[in-house]
Structures are given as structure tokens and as C-alpha cells.
Amino acid sequence: MKQGTLVPALESVLAVPVEGRSPWQDARMRFARNKAAVASLVILLLITLACAIGPMLLPNAFDSTDWNMMSSTPTFATGTCSARTIPAATCSCAA
């Protein structure tokens, strides 16, 4: 390699402005490389989505009370407890 060819090559490289990264870009790149952190973020987003959309899918409001069912007893003949479709074998009151 000739002595004179190295300096013009360095000058051409140094003439191009170097674009730096902001701390946010650096943090985003480090976060994207961390697989556990990305998986945790996805899980948190799914939980948040379920909390936001879940109540809309329920047939009854969470704060409504069915006053007609308050005095009903478990019916073991049909295999349900308190008018829910829970098998009698899984009820804590079934003996």
C-alpha cells in the first residue's frame, strides 16, 4: 500500500457526517434485543387488552346483583350449584 493513498481514503470517510443515536433509540434497540423483556411486554399488552375488552363480552355487569337468586339453594338434582353450570362433584358443598 502506498503512503499517499491512505490519507485521501481517511479524508473521504471523515468527510461524511456521522449520525449519532439518541438515548431513546439506544434504549429501544437494547429492549428489542432482550427477548424476555419483549415477551413480558406482549403478555402485559394481552392482559391490558383482556381487561379492557373482557367486561364488554360478559353477559352480566360485574356490579349487578341477581336478587332473585340470592335466596335460592344449590340444586343437586340437576348437578349444578346456585343455578350455575358447575358439576356437583366440583362443588365444595357436594358430599
PDB file of N, CA and C in Angstrom:
ATOM      1  N   MET A   1       0.838  -1.153   0.000  1.00  0.00           N
ATOM      2  CA  MET A   1       0.000   0.000   0.000  1.00  0.00           C
ATOM      3  C   MET A   1       0.893   1.229   0.000  1.00  0.00           C
ATOM      4  N   LYS A   2       0.507   2.176  -0.789  1.00  0.00           N
ATOM      5  CA  LYS A   2       1.303   3.395  -0.903  1.00  0.00           C
ATOM      6  C   LYS A   2       0.998   4.336   0.247  1.00  0.00           C
ATOM      7  N   GLN A   3       1.955   5.151   0.569  1.00  0.00           N
ATOM      8  CA  GLN A   3       1.794   6.094   1.666  1.00  0.00           C
ATOM      9  C   GLN A   3       0.748   7.166   1.346  1.00  0.00           C
ATOM     10  N   GLY A   4       0.647   7.600   0.120  1.00  0.00           N
ATOM     11  CA  GLY A   4      -0.243   8.700  -0.244  1.00  0.00           C
ATOM     12  C   GLY A   4      -1.708   8.290  -0.370  1.00  0.00           C
ATOM     13  N   THR A   5      -2.001   6.993  -0.506  1.00  0.00           N
ATOM     14  CA  THR A   5      -3.388   6.585  -0.726  1.00  0.00           C
ATOM     15  C   THR A   5      -4.178   6.459   0.576  1.00  0.00           C
ATOM     16  N   LEU A   6      -3.546   6.335   1.701  1.00  0.00           N
ATOM     17  CA  LEU A   6      -4.241   6.170   2.965  1.00  0.00           C
ATOM     18  C   LEU A   6      -4.894   7.474   3.427  1.00  0.00           C
ATOM     19  N   VAL A   7      -4.217   8.570   3.273  1.00  0.00           N
ATOM     20  CA  VAL A   7      -4.738   9.852   3.754  1.00  0.00           C
ATOM     21  C   VAL A   7      -5.987  10.273   2.981  1.00  0.00           C
ATOM     22  N   PRO A   8      -6.041  10.196   1.655  1.00  0.00           N
ATOM     23  CA  PRO A   8      -7.280  10.570   0.965  1.00  0.00           C
ATOM     24  C   PRO A   8      -8.444   9.637   1.320  1.00  0.00           C
ATOM     25  N   ALA A   9      -8.168   8.372   1.581  1.00  0.00           N
ATOM     26  CA  ALA A   9      -9.236   7.448   1.967  1.00  0.00           C
ATOM     27  C   ALA A   9      -9.798   7.840   3.326  1.00  0.00           C
ATOM     28  N   LEU A  10      -8.933   8.213   4.265  1.00  0.00           N
ATOM     29  CA  LEU A  10      -9.411   8.644   5.575  1.00  0.00           C
ATOM     30  C   LEU A  10     -10.162   9.965   5.486  1.00  0.00           C
ATOM     31  N   GLU A  11      -9.694  10.853   4.644  1.00  0.00           N
ATOM     32  CA  GLU A  11     -10.369  12.143   4.490  1.00  0.00           C
ATOM     33  C   GLU A  11     -11.775  11.963   3.927  1.00  0.00           C
ATOM     34  N   SER A  12     -11.943  11.009   3.002  1.00  0.00           N
ATOM     35  CA  SER A  12     -13.277  10.793   2.448  1.00  0.00           C
ATOM     36  C   SER A  12     -14.220  10.181   3.482  1.00  0.00           C
ATOM     37  N   VAL A  13     -13.689   9.333   4.361  1.00  0.00           N
ATOM     38  CA  VAL A  13     -14.513   8.738   5.410  1.00  0.00           C
ATOM     39  C   VAL A  13     -14.882   9.796   6.446  1.00  0.00           C
ATOM     40  N   LEU A  14     -13.918  10.637   6.805  1.00  0.00           N
ATOM     41  CA  LEU A  14     -14.176  11.669   7.797  1.00  0.00           C
ATOM     42  C   LEU A  14     -15.062  12.787   7.259  1.00  0.00           C
ATOM     43  N   ALA A  15     -15.166  12.937   5.966  1.00  0.00           N
ATOM     44  CA  ALA A  15     -15.980  13.987   5.376  1.00  0.00           C
ATOM     45  C   ALA A  15     -17.466  13.673   5.501  1.00  0.00           C
ATOM     46  N   VAL A  16     -17.820  12.410   5.617  1.00  0.00           N
ATOM     47  CA  VAL A  16     -19.224  12.016   5.765  1.00  0.00           C
ATOM     48  C   VAL A  16     -19.630  12.246   7.222  1.00  0.00           C
ATOM     49  N   PRO A  17     -20.690  13.019   7.448  1.00  0.00           N
ATOM     50  CA  PRO A  17     -21.089  13.264   8.846  1.00  0.00           C
ATOM     51  C   PRO A  17     -21.658  11.992   9.483  1.00  0.00           C
ATOM     52  N   VAL A  18     -21.277  11.772  10.721  1.00  0.00           N
ATOM     53  CA  VAL A  18     -21.724  10.599  11.452  1.00  0.00           C
ATOM     54  C   VAL A  18     -22.995  10.985  12.210  1.00  0.00           C
ATOM     55  N   GLU A  19     -24.034  10.186  12.010  1.00  0.00           N
ATOM     56  CA  GLU A  19     -25.292  10.451  12.702  1.00  0.00           C
ATOM     57  C   GLU A  19     -25.316   9.622  13.975  1.00  0.00           C
ATOM     58  N   GLY A  20     -25.428  10.284  15.106  1.00  0.00           N
ATOM     59  CA  GLY A  20     -25.441   9.596  16.392  1.00  0.00           C
ATOM     60  C   GLY A  20     -26.830   9.091  16.740  1.00  0.00           C
ATOM     61  N   ARG A  21     -26.879   8.281  17.793  1.00  0.00           N
ATOM     62  CA  ARG A  21     -28.159   7.759  18.270  1.00  0.00           C
ATOM     63  C   ARG A  21     -28.550   8.506  19.530  1.00  0.00           C
ATOM     64  N   SER A  22     -29.832   8.732  19.659  1.00  0.00           N
ATOM     65  CA  SER A  22     -30.326   9.349  20.879  1.00  0.00           C
ATOM     66  C   SER A  22     -30.410   8.276  21.964  1.00  0.00           C
ATOM     67  N   PRO A  23     -30.512   8.678  23.217  1.00  0.00           N
ATOM     68  CA  PRO A  23     -30.659   7.673  24.285  1.00  0.00           C
ATOM     69  C   PRO A  23     -31.914   6.818  24.107  1.00  0.00           C
ATOM     70  N   TRP A  24     -32.998   7.407  23.584  1.00  0.00           N
ATOM     71  CA  TRP A  24     -34.222   6.636  23.353  1.00  0.00           C
ATOM     72  C   TRP A  24     -34.021   5.581  22.270  1.00  0.00           C
ATOM     73  N   GLN A  25     -33.314   5.929  21.213  1.00  0.00           N
ATOM     74  CA  GLN A  25     -33.032   4.948  20.155  1.00  0.00           C
ATOM     75  C   GLN A  25     -32.166   3.822  20.694  1.00  0.00           C
ATOM     76  N   ASP A  26     -31.189   4.183  21.498  1.00  0.00           N
ATOM     77  CA  ASP A  26     -30.305   3.175  22.080  1.00  0.00           C
ATOM     78  C   ASP A  26     -31.090   2.257  23.023  1.00  0.00           C
ATOM     79  N   ALA A  27     -31.951   2.845  23.856  1.00  0.00           N
ATOM     80  CA  ALA A  27     -32.748   2.031  24.776  1.00  0.00           C
ATOM     81  C   ALA A  27     -33.718   1.133  24.015  1.00  0.00           C
ATOM     82  N   ARG A  28     -34.329   1.649  22.947  1.00  0.00           N
ATOM     83  CA  ARG A  28     -35.265   0.853  22.150  1.00  0.00           C
ATOM     84  C   ARG A  28     -34.548  -0.329  21.486  1.00  0.00           C
ATOM     85  N   MET A  29     -33.351  -0.101  20.987  1.00  0.00           N
ATOM     86  CA  MET A  29     -32.593  -1.190  20.358  1.00  0.00           C
ATOM     87  C   MET A  29     -32.194  -2.246  21.392  1.00  0.00           C
ATOM     88  N   ARG A  30     -31.777  -1.803  22.586  1.00  0.00           N
ATOM     89  CA  ARG A  30     -31.405  -2.751  23.638  1.00  0.00           C
ATOM     90  C   ARG A  30     -32.619  -3.534  24.119  1.00  0.00           C
ATOM     91  N   PHE A  31     -33.774  -2.859  24.211  1.00  0.00           N
ATOM     92  CA  PHE A  31     -35.004  -3.529  24.636  1.00  0.00           C
ATOM     93  C   PHE A  31     -35.432  -4.559  23.602  1.00  0.00           C
ATOM     94  N   ALA A  32     -35.336  -4.227  22.317  1.00  0.00           N
ATOM     95  CA  ALA A  32     -35.753  -5.142  21.251  1.00  0.00           C
ATOM     96  C   ALA A  32     -34.871  -6.387  21.208  1.00  0.00           C
ATOM     97  N   ARG A  33     -33.631  -6.283  21.636  1.00  0.00           N
ATOM     98  CA  ARG A  33     -32.738  -7.446  21.635  1.00  0.00           C
ATOM     99  C   ARG A  33     -32.977  -8.357  22.836  1.00  0.00           C
ATOM    100  N   ASN A  34     -33.616  -7.833  23.886  1.00  0.00           N
ATOM    101  CA  ASN A  34     -33.888  -8.617  25.091  1.00  0.00           C
ATOM    102  C   ASN A  34     -35.206  -9.371  24.893  1.00  0.00           C
ATOM    103  N   LYS A  35     -35.104 -10.677  24.630  1.00  0.00           N
ATOM    104  CA  LYS A  35     -36.287 -11.483  24.300  1.00  0.00           C
ATOM    105  C   LYS A  35     -37.243 -11.603  25.484  1.00  0.00           C
ATOM    106  N   ALA A  36     -36.721 -11.704  26.682  1.00  0.00           N
ATOM    107  CA  ALA A  36     -37.583 -11.820  27.860  1.00  0.00           C
ATOM    108  C   ALA A  36     -38.378 -10.534  28.075  1.00  0.00           C
ATOM    109  N   ALA A  37     -37.754  -9.397  27.850  1.00  0.00           N
ATOM    110  CA  ALA A  37     -38.450  -8.122  28.025  1.00  0.00           C
ATOM    111  C   ALA A  37     -39.542  -7.949  26.976  1.00  0.00           C
ATOM    112  N   VAL A  38     -39.276  -8.341  25.754  1.00  0.00           N
ATOM    113  CA  VAL A  38     -40.284  -8.231  24.692  1.00  0.00           C
ATOM    114  C   VAL A  38     -41.448  -9.182  24.966  1.00  0.00           C
ATOM    115  N   ALA A  39     -41.152 -10.392  25.401  1.00  0.00           N
ATOM    116  CA  ALA A  39     -42.210 -11.347  25.736  1.00  0.00           C
ATOM    117  C   ALA A  39     -43.054 -10.827  26.903  1.00  0.00           C
ATOM    118  N   SER A  40     -42.423 -10.237  27.899  1.00  0.00           N
ATOM    119  CA  SER A  40     -43.156  -9.670  29.028  1.00  0.00           C
ATOM    120  C   SER A  40     -44.037  -8.512  28.584  1.00  0.00           C
ATOM    121  N   LEU A  41     -43.558  -7.703  27.678  1.00  0.00           N
ATOM    122  CA  LEU A  41     -44.361  -6.594  27.151  1.00  0.00           C
ATOM    123  C   LEU A  41     -45.583  -7.115  26.409  1.00  0.00           C
ATOM    124  N   VAL A  42     -45.405  -8.167  25.624  1.00  0.00           N
ATOM    125  CA  VAL A  42     -46.535  -8.757  24.898  1.00  0.00           C
ATOM    126  C   VAL A  42     -47.570  -9.313  25.875  1.00  0.00           C
ATOM    127  N   ILE A  43     -47.107  -9.985  26.929  1.00  0.00           N
ATOM    128  CA  ILE A  43     -48.025 -10.537  27.928  1.00  0.00           C
ATOM    129  C   ILE A  43     -48.775  -9.408  28.633  1.00  0.00           C
ATOM    130  N   LEU A  44     -48.069  -8.341  29.002  1.00  0.00           N
ATOM    131  CA  LEU A  44     -48.731  -7.204  29.645  1.00  0.00           C
ATOM    132  C   LEU A  44     -49.759  -6.548  28.725  1.00  0.00           C
ATOM    133  N   LEU A  45     -49.456  -6.458  27.443  1.00  0.00           N
ATOM    134  CA  LEU A  45     -50.415  -5.897  26.496  1.00  0.00           C
ATOM    135  C   LEU A  45     -51.641  -6.792  26.353  1.00  0.00           C
ATOM    136  N   LEU A  46     -51.448  -8.110  26.359  1.00  0.00           N
ATOM    137  CA  LEU A  46     -52.586  -9.029  26.279  1.00  0.00           C
ATOM    138  C   LEU A  46     -53.462  -8.941  27.529  1.00  0.00           C
ATOM    139  N   ILE A  47     -52.846  -8.813  28.690  1.00  0.00           N
ATOM    140  CA  ILE A  47     -53.612  -8.667  29.928  1.00  0.00           C
ATOM    141  C   ILE A  47     -54.397  -7.358  29.910  1.00  0.00           C
ATOM    142  N   THR A  48     -53.767  -6.291  29.469  1.00  0.00           N
ATOM    143  CA  THR A  48     -54.448  -4.998  29.378  1.00  0.00           C
ATOM    144  C   THR A  48     -55.607  -5.063  28.401  1.00  0.00           C
ATOM    145  N   LEU A  49     -55.396  -5.712  27.282  1.00  0.00           N
ATOM    146  CA  LEU A  49     -56.462  -5.857  26.289  1.00  0.00           C
ATOM    147  C   LEU A  49     -57.613  -6.689  26.850  1.00  0.00           C
ATOM    148  N   ALA A  50     -57.309  -7.752  27.570  1.00  0.00           N
ATOM    149  CA  ALA A  50     -58.357  -8.585  28.171  1.00  0.00           C
ATOM    150  C   ALA A  50     -59.134  -7.803  29.225  1.00  0.00           C
ATOM    151  N   CYS A  51     -58.454  -6.961  29.991  1.00  0.00           N
ATOM    152  CA  CYS A  51     -59.143  -6.146  30.996  1.00  0.00           C
ATOM    153  C   CYS A  51     -60.021  -5.084  30.350  1.00  0.00           C
ATOM    154  N   ALA A  52     -59.622  -4.592  29.205  1.00  0.00           N
ATOM    155  CA  ALA A  52     -60.406  -3.553  28.535  1.00  0.00           C
ATOM    156  C   ALA A  52     -61.593  -4.142  27.777  1.00  0.00           C
ATOM    157  N   ILE A  53     -61.416  -5.286  27.136  1.00  0.00           N
ATOM    158  CA  ILE A  53     -62.462  -5.856  26.289  1.00  0.00           C
ATOM    159  C   ILE A  53     -63.298  -6.883  27.035  1.00  0.00           C
ATOM    160  N   GLY A  54     -62.746  -7.533  28.032  1.00  0.00           N
ATOM    161  CA  GLY A  54     -63.443  -8.589  28.754  1.00  0.00           C
ATOM    162  C   GLY A  54     -64.803  -8.208  29.306  1.00  0.00           C
ATOM    163  N   PRO A  55     -64.934  -7.086  30.002  1.00  0.00           N
ATOM    164  CA  PRO A  55     -66.244  -6.722  30.532  1.00  0.00           C
ATOM    165  C   PRO A  55     -67.316  -6.524  29.456  1.00  0.00           C
ATOM    166  N   MET A  56     -66.929  -6.159  28.265  1.00  0.00           N
ATOM    167  CA  MET A  56     -67.896  -5.992  27.174  1.00  0.00           C
ATOM    168  C   MET A  56     -68.445  -7.336  26.695  1.00  0.00           C
ATOM    169  N   LEU A  57     -67.700  -8.404  26.913  1.00  0.00           N
ATOM    170  CA  LEU A  57     -68.115  -9.725  26.453  1.00  0.00           C
ATOM    171  C   LEU A  57     -68.940 -10.485  27.482  1.00  0.00           C
ATOM    172  N   LEU A  58     -68.955 -10.029  28.724  1.00  0.00           N
ATOM    173  CA  LEU A  58     -69.693 -10.720  29.776  1.00  0.00           C
ATOM    174  C   LEU A  58     -71.194 -10.492  29.614  1.00  0.00           C
ATOM    175  N   PRO A  59     -72.010 -11.507  29.914  1.00  0.00           N
ATOM    176  CA  PRO A  59     -73.456 -11.337  29.751  1.00  0.00           C
ATOM    177  C   PRO A  59     -74.075 -10.431  30.814  1.00  0.00           C
ATOM    178  N   ASN A  60     -73.472 -10.346  31.996  1.00  0.00           N
ATOM    179  CA  ASN A  60     -73.998  -9.528  33.079  1.00  0.00           C
ATOM    180  C   ASN A  60     -72.951  -8.513  33.496  1.00  0.00           C
ATOM    181  N   ALA A  61     -73.426  -7.413  34.038  1.00  0.00           N
ATOM    182  CA  ALA A  61     -72.495  -6.413  34.553  1.00  0.00           C
ATOM    183  C   ALA A  61     -71.849  -6.940  35.830  1.00  0.00           C
ATOM    184  N   PHE A  62     -70.631  -6.520  36.082  1.00  0.00           N
ATOM    185  CA  PHE A  62     -69.916  -7.023  37.252  1.00  0.00           C
ATOM    186  C   PHE A  62     -70.522  -6.512  38.558  1.00  0.00           C
ATOM    187  N   ASP A  63     -71.217  -5.395  38.506  1.00  0.00           N
ATOM    188  CA  ASP A  63     -71.772  -4.826  39.731  1.00  0.00           C
ATOM    189  C   ASP A  63     -73.279  -5.062  39.888  1.00  0.00           C
ATOM    190  N   SER A  64     -73.856  -5.844  38.994  1.00  0.00           N
ATOM    191  CA  SER A  64     -75.292  -6.122  39.118  1.00  0.00           C
ATOM    192  C   SER A  64     -75.507  -7.329  40.032  1.00  0.00           C
ATOM    193  N   THR A  65     -76.583  -7.280  40.783  1.00  0.00           N
ATOM    194  CA  THR A  65     -76.930  -8.362  41.707  1.00  0.00           C
ATOM    195  C   THR A  65     -78.235  -8.987  41.251  1.00  0.00           C
ATOM    196  N   ASP A  66     -78.258 -10.298  41.164  1.00  0.00           N
ATOM    197  CA  ASP A  66     -79.483 -11.014  40.814  1.00  0.00           C
ATOM    198  C   ASP A  66     -80.210 -11.310  42.120  1.00  0.00           C
ATOM    199  N   TRP A  67     -81.122 -10.417  42.487  1.00  0.00           N
ATOM    200  CA  TRP A  67     -81.804 -10.528  43.777  1.00  0.00           C
ATOM    201  C   TRP A  67     -82.694 -11.760  43.850  1.00  0.00           C
ATOM    202  N   ASN A  68     -83.152 -12.272  42.711  1.00  0.00           N
ATOM    203  CA  ASN A  68     -83.994 -13.460  42.717  1.00  0.00           C
ATOM    204  C   ASN A  68     -83.213 -14.719  43.078  1.00  0.00           C
ATOM    205  N   MET A  69     -81.939 -14.739  42.806  1.00  0.00           N
ATOM    206  CA  MET A  69     -81.116 -15.918  43.086  1.00  0.00           C
ATOM    207  C   MET A  69     -80.454 -15.871  44.461  1.00  0.00           C
ATOM    208  N   MET A  70     -80.638 -14.771  45.189  1.00  0.00           N
ATOM    209  CA  MET A  70     -79.998 -14.636  46.496  1.00  0.00           C
ATOM    210  C   MET A  70     -80.506 -15.663  47.498  1.00  0.00           C
ATOM    211  N   SER A  71     -81.778 -16.007  47.423  1.00  0.00           N
ATOM    212  CA  SER A  71     -82.336 -16.922  48.408  1.00  0.00           C
ATOM    213  C   SER A  71     -82.438 -18.351  47.885  1.00  0.00           C
ATOM    214  N   SER A  72     -81.930 -18.619  46.698  1.00  0.00           N
ATOM    215  CA  SER A  72     -82.028 -19.976  46.156  1.00  0.00           C
ATOM    216  C   SER A  72     -80.950 -20.868  46.779  1.00  0.00           C
ATOM    217  N   THR A  73     -81.245 -22.129  46.844  1.00  0.00           N
ATOM    218  CA  THR A  73     -80.306 -23.102  47.402  1.00  0.00           C
ATOM    219  C   THR A  73     -79.664 -23.885  46.260  1.00  0.00           C
ATOM    220  N   PRO A  74     -78.573 -24.543  46.523  1.00  0.00           N
ATOM    221  CA  PRO A  74     -77.972 -25.377  45.485  1.00  0.00           C
ATOM    222  C   PRO A  74     -78.906 -26.518  45.109  1.00  0.00           C
ATOM    223  N   THR A  75     -78.952 -26.837  43.834  1.00  0.00           N
ATOM    224  CA  THR A  75     -79.800 -27.942  43.378  1.00  0.00           C
ATOM    225  C   THR A  75     -78.897 -29.077  42.947  1.00  0.00           C
ATOM    226  N   PHE A  76     -78.879 -30.131  43.739  1.00  0.00           N
ATOM    227  CA  PHE A  76     -78.023 -31.265  43.438  1.00  0.00           C
ATOM    228  C   PHE A  76     -78.670 -32.233  42.458  1.00  0.00           C
ATOM    229  N   ALA A  77     -79.985 -32.103  42.252  1.00  0.00           N
ATOM    230  CA  ALA A  77     -80.682 -32.997  41.332  1.00  0.00           C
ATOM    231  C   ALA A  77     -80.227 -32.769  39.898  1.00  0.00           C
ATOM    232  N   THR A  78     -79.960 -31.528  39.557  1.00  0.00           N
ATOM    233  CA  THR A  78     -79.519 -31.225  38.196  1.00  0.00           C
ATOM    234  C   THR A  78     -78.004 -31.212  38.078  1.00  0.00           C
ATOM    235  N   GLY A  79     -77.320 -31.317  39.204  1.00  0.00           N
ATOM    236  CA  GLY A  79     -75.858 -31.333  39.178  1.00  0.00           C
ATOM    237  C   GLY A  79     -75.253 -29.959  39.095  1.00  0.00           C
ATOM    238  N   THR A  80     -75.997 -28.947  39.517  1.00  0.00           N
ATOM    239  CA  THR A  80     -75.472 -27.591  39.484  1.00  0.00           C
ATOM    240  C   THR A  80     -75.549 -26.968  40.859  1.00  0.00           C
ATOM    241  N   CYS A  81     -74.716 -25.991  41.096  1.00  0.00           N
ATOM    242  CA  CYS A  81     -74.729 -25.238  42.342  1.00  0.00           C
ATOM    243  C   CYS A  81     -75.150 -23.809  42.040  1.00  0.00           C
ATOM    244  N   SER A  82     -76.132 -23.328  42.740  1.00  0.00           N
ATOM    245  CA  SER A  82     -76.593 -21.939  42.649  1.00  0.00           C
ATOM    246  C   SER A  82     -76.888 -21.520  41.222  1.00  0.00           C
ATOM    247  N   ALA A  83     -77.564 -22.351  40.479  1.00  0.00           N
ATOM    248  CA  ALA A  83     -78.010 -22.061  39.122  1.00  0.00           C
ATOM    249  C   ALA A  83     -76.865 -21.816  38.154  1.00  0.00           C
ATOM    250  N   ARG A  84     -75.662 -22.196  38.493  1.00  0.00           N
ATOM    251  CA  ARG A  84     -74.542 -22.119  37.571  1.00  0.00           C
ATOM    252  C   ARG A  84     -74.302 -23.512  37.005  1.00  0.00           C
ATOM    253  N   THR A  85     -73.617 -23.555  35.925  1.00  0.00           N
ATOM    254  CA  THR A  85     -73.366 -24.860  35.297  1.00  0.00           C
ATOM    255  C   THR A  85     -72.056 -25.449  35.805  1.00  0.00           C
ATOM    256  N   ILE A  86     -71.969 -25.636  37.109  1.00  0.00           N
ATOM    257  CA  ILE A  86     -70.806 -26.272  37.723  1.00  0.00           C
ATOM    258  C   ILE A  86     -71.234 -27.678  38.129  1.00  0.00           C
ATOM    259  N   PRO A  87     -70.530 -28.713  37.709  1.00  0.00           N
ATOM    260  CA  PRO A  87     -70.919 -30.067  38.111  1.00  0.00           C
ATOM    261  C   PRO A  87     -70.900 -30.212  39.629  1.00  0.00           C
ATOM    262  N   ALA A  88     -71.833 -31.006  40.142  1.00  0.00           N
ATOM    263  CA  ALA A  88     -71.961 -31.181  41.597  1.00  0.00           C
ATOM    264  C   ALA A  88     -70.700 -31.769  42.215  1.00  0.00           C
ATOM    265  N   ALA A  89     -69.969 -32.567  41.467  1.00  0.00           N
ATOM    266  CA  ALA A  89     -68.750 -33.184  42.006  1.00  0.00           C
ATOM    267  C   ALA A  89     -67.667 -32.135  42.294  1.00  0.00           C
ATOM    268  N   THR A  90     -67.703 -30.998  41.587  1.00  0.00           N
ATOM    269  CA  THR A  90     -66.689 -29.977  41.801  1.00  0.00           C
ATOM    270  C   THR A  90     -67.139 -28.929  42.790  1.00  0.00           C
ATOM    271  N   CYS A  91     -68.392 -28.965  43.241  1.00  0.00           N
ATOM    272  CA  CYS A  91     -68.870 -28.010  44.230  1.00  0.00           C
ATOM    273  C   CYS A  91     -68.259 -28.319  45.580  1.00  0.00           C
ATOM    274  N   SER A  92     -67.954 -27.275  46.316  1.00  0.00           N
ATOM    275  CA  SER A  92     -67.422 -27.503  47.655  1.00  0.00           C
ATOM    276  C   SER A  92     -68.517 -27.940  48.621  1.00  0.00           C
ATOM    277  N   CYS A  93     -69.788 -27.724  48.231  1.00  0.00           N
ATOM    278  CA  CYS A  93     -70.887 -28.101  49.107  1.00  0.00           C
ATOM    279  C   CYS A  93     -71.393 -29.525  48.819  1.00  0.00           C
ATOM    280  N   ALA A  94     -70.898 -30.175  47.777  1.00  0.00           N
ATOM    281  CA  ALA A  94     -71.355 -31.526  47.436  1.00  0.00           C
ATOM    282  C   ALA A  94     -70.658 -32.548  48.333  1.00  0.00           C
ATOM    283  N   ALA A  95     -71.451 -33.484  48.810  1.00  0.00           N
ATOM    284  CA  ALA A  95     -70.870 -34.505  49.685  1.00  0.00           C
ATOM    285  C   ALA A  95     -71.105 -35.880  49.108  1.00  0.00           C
TER     286      ALA A  95
END
